[in-house]
Amino acid sequence: MIGRHAFRPFEPDVLTLEEVAELLCVEPDAVAQLASSGELPGRRIGGAWRFARVAVLDWLARGSVPRTQRCRGVRPLGFSACP
């Protein structure tokens, strides 16, 4: 009998602005705007935004990303297509 193995790509605990944009399927400018306003939890470190993956996922579970800020035609990591 041969066992099963599920491959999971590496998922970092800390994300860049661009990685959060891919995860949420929005443009990077939308992520920067949400973070700057304090709505999306993140921190500026050395002038660059950094986000805790778990905090972003918790934030997402509590609300929704405005449809007007969603990207078109970009495939985020772990998703087949943007809605």
N, C-alpha and C. Protein backbone atom coordinates (compact mmCIF):
# COMPACT_ATOMS: atom_id res chain seq x y z
N MET A 1 0.84 -1.17 0.00
CA MET A 1 0.00 0.00 0.00
C MET A 1 0.89 1.24 0.00
N ILE A 2 0.58 2.19 -0.86
CA ILE A 2 1.34 3.41 -0.96
C ILE A 2 0.57 4.52 -0.24
N GLY A 3 1.27 5.26 0.61
CA GLY A 3 0.63 6.34 1.36
C GLY A 3 0.36 7.55 0.50
N ARG A 4 -0.44 8.44 1.03
CA ARG A 4 -0.75 9.68 0.33
C ARG A 4 0.03 10.82 0.94
N HIS A 5 0.41 11.74 0.11
CA HIS A 5 1.12 12.92 0.57
C HIS A 5 0.51 14.14 -0.09
N ALA A 6 0.15 15.11 0.70
CA ALA A 6 -0.40 16.36 0.15
C ALA A 6 0.69 17.42 0.19
N PHE A 7 1.00 17.99 -0.95
CA PHE A 7 2.01 19.04 -1.01
C PHE A 7 1.38 20.37 -0.65
N ARG A 8 1.97 21.06 0.30
CA ARG A 8 1.53 22.42 0.65
C ARG A 8 2.69 23.35 0.41
N PRO A 9 2.49 24.35 -0.43
CA PRO A 9 3.56 25.30 -0.66
C PRO A 9 3.87 26.06 0.62
N PHE A 10 5.08 26.55 0.73
CA PHE A 10 5.51 27.32 1.89
C PHE A 10 4.65 28.57 2.02
N GLU A 11 4.11 28.78 3.19
CA GLU A 11 3.31 29.98 3.46
C GLU A 11 3.99 30.76 4.57
N PRO A 12 4.62 31.89 4.25
CA PRO A 12 5.34 32.65 5.27
C PRO A 12 4.38 33.25 6.30
N ASP A 13 4.88 33.45 7.52
CA ASP A 13 4.08 34.06 8.59
C ASP A 13 3.93 35.56 8.39
N VAL A 14 4.93 36.18 7.76
CA VAL A 14 4.93 37.62 7.52
C VAL A 14 4.87 37.85 6.01
N LEU A 15 3.93 38.72 5.60
CA LEU A 15 3.70 38.98 4.18
C LEU A 15 4.07 40.41 3.81
N THR A 16 4.49 40.59 2.58
CA THR A 16 4.72 41.93 2.03
C THR A 16 3.39 42.49 1.53
N LEU A 17 3.38 43.75 1.18
CA LEU A 17 2.20 44.38 0.63
C LEU A 17 1.73 43.66 -0.63
N GLU A 18 2.65 43.31 -1.49
CA GLU A 18 2.31 42.62 -2.74
C GLU A 18 1.73 41.23 -2.48
N GLU A 19 2.27 40.53 -1.48
CA GLU A 19 1.75 39.19 -1.16
C GLU A 19 0.33 39.28 -0.59
N VAL A 20 0.06 40.30 0.22
CA VAL A 20 -1.29 40.48 0.75
C VAL A 20 -2.25 40.82 -0.40
N ALA A 21 -1.80 41.64 -1.32
CA ALA A 21 -2.63 41.97 -2.48
C ALA A 21 -2.99 40.71 -3.26
N GLU A 22 -2.03 39.82 -3.47
CA GLU A 22 -2.30 38.56 -4.16
C GLU A 22 -3.25 37.69 -3.36
N LEU A 23 -3.03 37.61 -2.06
CA LEU A 23 -3.87 36.78 -1.20
C LEU A 23 -5.32 37.26 -1.21
N LEU A 24 -5.51 38.57 -1.19
CA LEU A 24 -6.85 39.15 -1.16
C LEU A 24 -7.44 39.39 -2.54
N CYS A 25 -6.62 39.23 -3.57
CA CYS A 25 -7.04 39.46 -4.95
C CYS A 25 -7.48 40.91 -5.16
N VAL A 26 -6.62 41.81 -4.68
CA VAL A 26 -6.84 43.23 -4.88
C VAL A 26 -5.54 43.86 -5.38
N GLU A 27 -5.63 45.08 -5.82
CA GLU A 27 -4.44 45.80 -6.26
C GLU A 27 -3.60 46.20 -5.04
N PRO A 28 -2.28 46.25 -5.17
CA PRO A 28 -1.43 46.67 -4.05
C PRO A 28 -1.80 48.04 -3.49
N ASP A 29 -2.24 48.97 -4.33
CA ASP A 29 -2.65 50.30 -3.85
C ASP A 29 -3.82 50.21 -2.88
N ALA A 30 -4.73 49.27 -3.12
CA ALA A 30 -5.87 49.09 -2.22
C ALA A 30 -5.40 48.59 -0.86
N VAL A 31 -4.43 47.68 -0.84
CA VAL A 31 -3.88 47.17 0.42
C VAL A 31 -3.19 48.31 1.17
N ALA A 32 -2.40 49.10 0.47
CA ALA A 32 -1.70 50.22 1.10
C ALA A 32 -2.70 51.21 1.71
N GLN A 33 -3.77 51.47 0.99
CA GLN A 33 -4.79 52.40 1.48
C GLN A 33 -5.48 51.85 2.73
N LEU A 34 -5.84 50.57 2.71
CA LEU A 34 -6.49 49.95 3.87
C LEU A 34 -5.55 49.92 5.08
N ALA A 35 -4.28 49.65 4.84
CA ALA A 35 -3.31 49.61 5.93
C ALA A 35 -3.04 51.00 6.48
N SER A 36 -2.91 51.98 5.60
CA SER A 36 -2.65 53.36 6.02
C SER A 36 -3.79 53.92 6.86
N SER A 37 -5.01 53.51 6.52
CA SER A 37 -6.18 53.99 7.26
C SER A 37 -6.36 53.27 8.59
N GLY A 38 -5.61 52.18 8.79
CA GLY A 38 -5.72 51.41 10.03
C GLY A 38 -6.76 50.32 9.97
N GLU A 39 -7.45 50.20 8.83
CA GLU A 39 -8.49 49.17 8.71
C GLU A 39 -7.87 47.77 8.61
N LEU A 40 -6.82 47.64 7.84
CA LEU A 40 -6.12 46.36 7.68
C LEU A 40 -4.92 46.34 8.62
N PRO A 41 -4.81 45.33 9.48
CA PRO A 41 -3.69 45.30 10.42
C PRO A 41 -2.35 45.07 9.74
N GLY A 42 -1.43 45.97 9.97
CA GLY A 42 -0.09 45.86 9.40
C GLY A 42 0.83 46.88 10.04
N ARG A 43 2.12 46.77 9.74
CA ARG A 43 3.11 47.69 10.30
C ARG A 43 4.09 48.09 9.21
N ARG A 44 4.54 49.33 9.33
CA ARG A 44 5.61 49.79 8.44
C ARG A 44 6.93 49.50 9.14
N ILE A 45 7.78 48.78 8.46
CA ILE A 45 9.11 48.44 8.98
C ILE A 45 10.12 48.88 7.94
N GLY A 46 10.96 49.82 8.30
CA GLY A 46 11.93 50.33 7.34
C GLY A 46 11.30 50.91 6.10
N GLY A 47 10.13 51.52 6.24
CA GLY A 47 9.45 52.14 5.12
C GLY A 47 8.60 51.20 4.29
N ALA A 48 8.62 49.91 4.58
CA ALA A 48 7.84 48.93 3.81
C ALA A 48 6.78 48.30 4.71
N TRP A 49 5.62 48.04 4.13
CA TRP A 49 4.54 47.40 4.89
C TRP A 49 4.82 45.92 5.09
N ARG A 50 4.50 45.43 6.29
CA ARG A 50 4.58 44.00 6.61
C ARG A 50 3.29 43.63 7.33
N PHE A 51 2.80 42.42 7.06
CA PHE A 51 1.53 41.96 7.59
C PHE A 51 1.67 40.54 8.13
N ALA A 52 1.08 40.28 9.27
CA ALA A 52 1.03 38.91 9.81
C ALA A 52 -0.08 38.17 9.06
N ARG A 53 0.28 37.02 8.47
CA ARG A 53 -0.70 36.25 7.69
C ARG A 53 -1.95 35.97 8.51
N VAL A 54 -1.79 35.53 9.75
CA VAL A 54 -2.94 35.18 10.57
C VAL A 54 -3.81 36.40 10.83
N ALA A 55 -3.23 37.59 11.02
CA ALA A 55 -4.01 38.81 11.25
C ALA A 55 -4.79 39.19 10.00
N VAL A 56 -4.19 39.04 8.84
CA VAL A 56 -4.88 39.35 7.58
C VAL A 56 -6.05 38.39 7.38
N LEU A 57 -5.83 37.11 7.63
CA LEU A 57 -6.91 36.13 7.47
C LEU A 57 -8.03 36.35 8.48
N ASP A 58 -7.67 36.74 9.71
CA ASP A 58 -8.69 37.07 10.71
C ASP A 58 -9.49 38.28 10.28
N TRP A 59 -8.80 39.31 9.76
CA TRP A 59 -9.46 40.51 9.27
C TRP A 59 -10.43 40.18 8.14
N LEU A 60 -9.96 39.33 7.23
CA LEU A 60 -10.79 38.93 6.10
C LEU A 60 -12.03 38.17 6.56
N ALA A 61 -11.88 37.31 7.56
CA ALA A 61 -13.01 36.53 8.07
C ALA A 61 -14.07 37.42 8.73
N ARG A 62 -13.65 38.57 9.25
CA ARG A 62 -14.59 39.49 9.92
C ARG A 62 -15.33 40.39 8.96
N GLY A 63 -14.83 40.55 7.75
CA GLY A 63 -15.46 41.49 6.82
C GLY A 63 -15.23 41.07 5.39
N SER A 64 -15.35 42.03 4.50
CA SER A 64 -15.14 41.72 3.09
C SER A 64 -14.30 42.80 2.43
N VAL A 65 -13.70 42.44 1.32
CA VAL A 65 -12.93 43.37 0.52
C VAL A 65 -13.89 44.04 -0.45
N PRO A 66 -13.92 45.38 -0.48
CA PRO A 66 -14.84 46.05 -1.40
C PRO A 66 -14.62 45.62 -2.85
N ARG A 67 -15.71 45.27 -3.54
CA ARG A 67 -15.62 44.78 -4.91
C ARG A 67 -14.95 45.78 -5.83
N THR A 68 -15.11 47.06 -5.59
CA THR A 68 -14.52 48.08 -6.46
C THR A 68 -13.00 48.09 -6.37
N GLN A 69 -12.42 47.49 -5.32
CA GLN A 69 -10.97 47.48 -5.16
C GLN A 69 -10.36 46.16 -5.62
N ARG A 70 -11.18 45.22 -6.05
CA ARG A 70 -10.66 43.92 -6.47
C ARG A 70 -9.95 44.03 -7.81
N CYS A 71 -8.95 43.19 -7.98
CA CYS A 71 -8.20 43.19 -9.23
C CYS A 71 -8.95 42.37 -10.27
N ARG A 72 -8.48 42.47 -11.48
CA ARG A 72 -9.08 41.69 -12.56
C ARG A 72 -8.00 40.97 -13.31
N GLY A 73 -8.17 39.67 -13.47
CA GLY A 73 -7.25 38.89 -14.28
C GLY A 73 -5.97 38.47 -13.58
N VAL A 74 -5.79 38.79 -12.31
CA VAL A 74 -4.59 38.38 -11.58
C VAL A 74 -4.93 37.15 -10.77
N ARG A 75 -4.11 36.14 -10.84
CA ARG A 75 -4.35 34.93 -10.07
C ARG A 75 -3.50 34.93 -8.82
N PRO A 76 -4.13 35.07 -7.65
CA PRO A 76 -3.35 35.07 -6.42
C PRO A 76 -2.84 33.70 -6.07
N LEU A 77 -1.84 33.66 -5.21
CA LEU A 77 -1.28 32.39 -4.76
C LEU A 77 -2.36 31.59 -4.07
N GLY A 78 -2.52 30.34 -4.44
CA GLY A 78 -3.49 29.47 -3.80
C GLY A 78 -4.92 29.61 -4.31
N PHE A 79 -5.15 30.48 -5.28
CA PHE A 79 -6.49 30.65 -5.84
C PHE A 79 -6.46 30.39 -7.32
N SER A 80 -7.54 29.86 -7.84
CA SER A 80 -7.58 29.56 -9.27
C SER A 80 -7.86 30.81 -10.10
N ALA A 81 -8.63 31.73 -9.56
CA ALA A 81 -8.93 32.97 -10.29
C ALA A 81 -9.55 33.97 -9.33
N CYS A 82 -9.46 35.23 -9.67
CA CYS A 82 -10.10 36.27 -8.88
C CYS A 82 -11.60 36.26 -9.17
N PRO A 83 -12.42 36.57 -8.17
CA PRO A 83 -13.86 36.62 -8.39
C PRO A 83 -14.25 37.80 -9.25
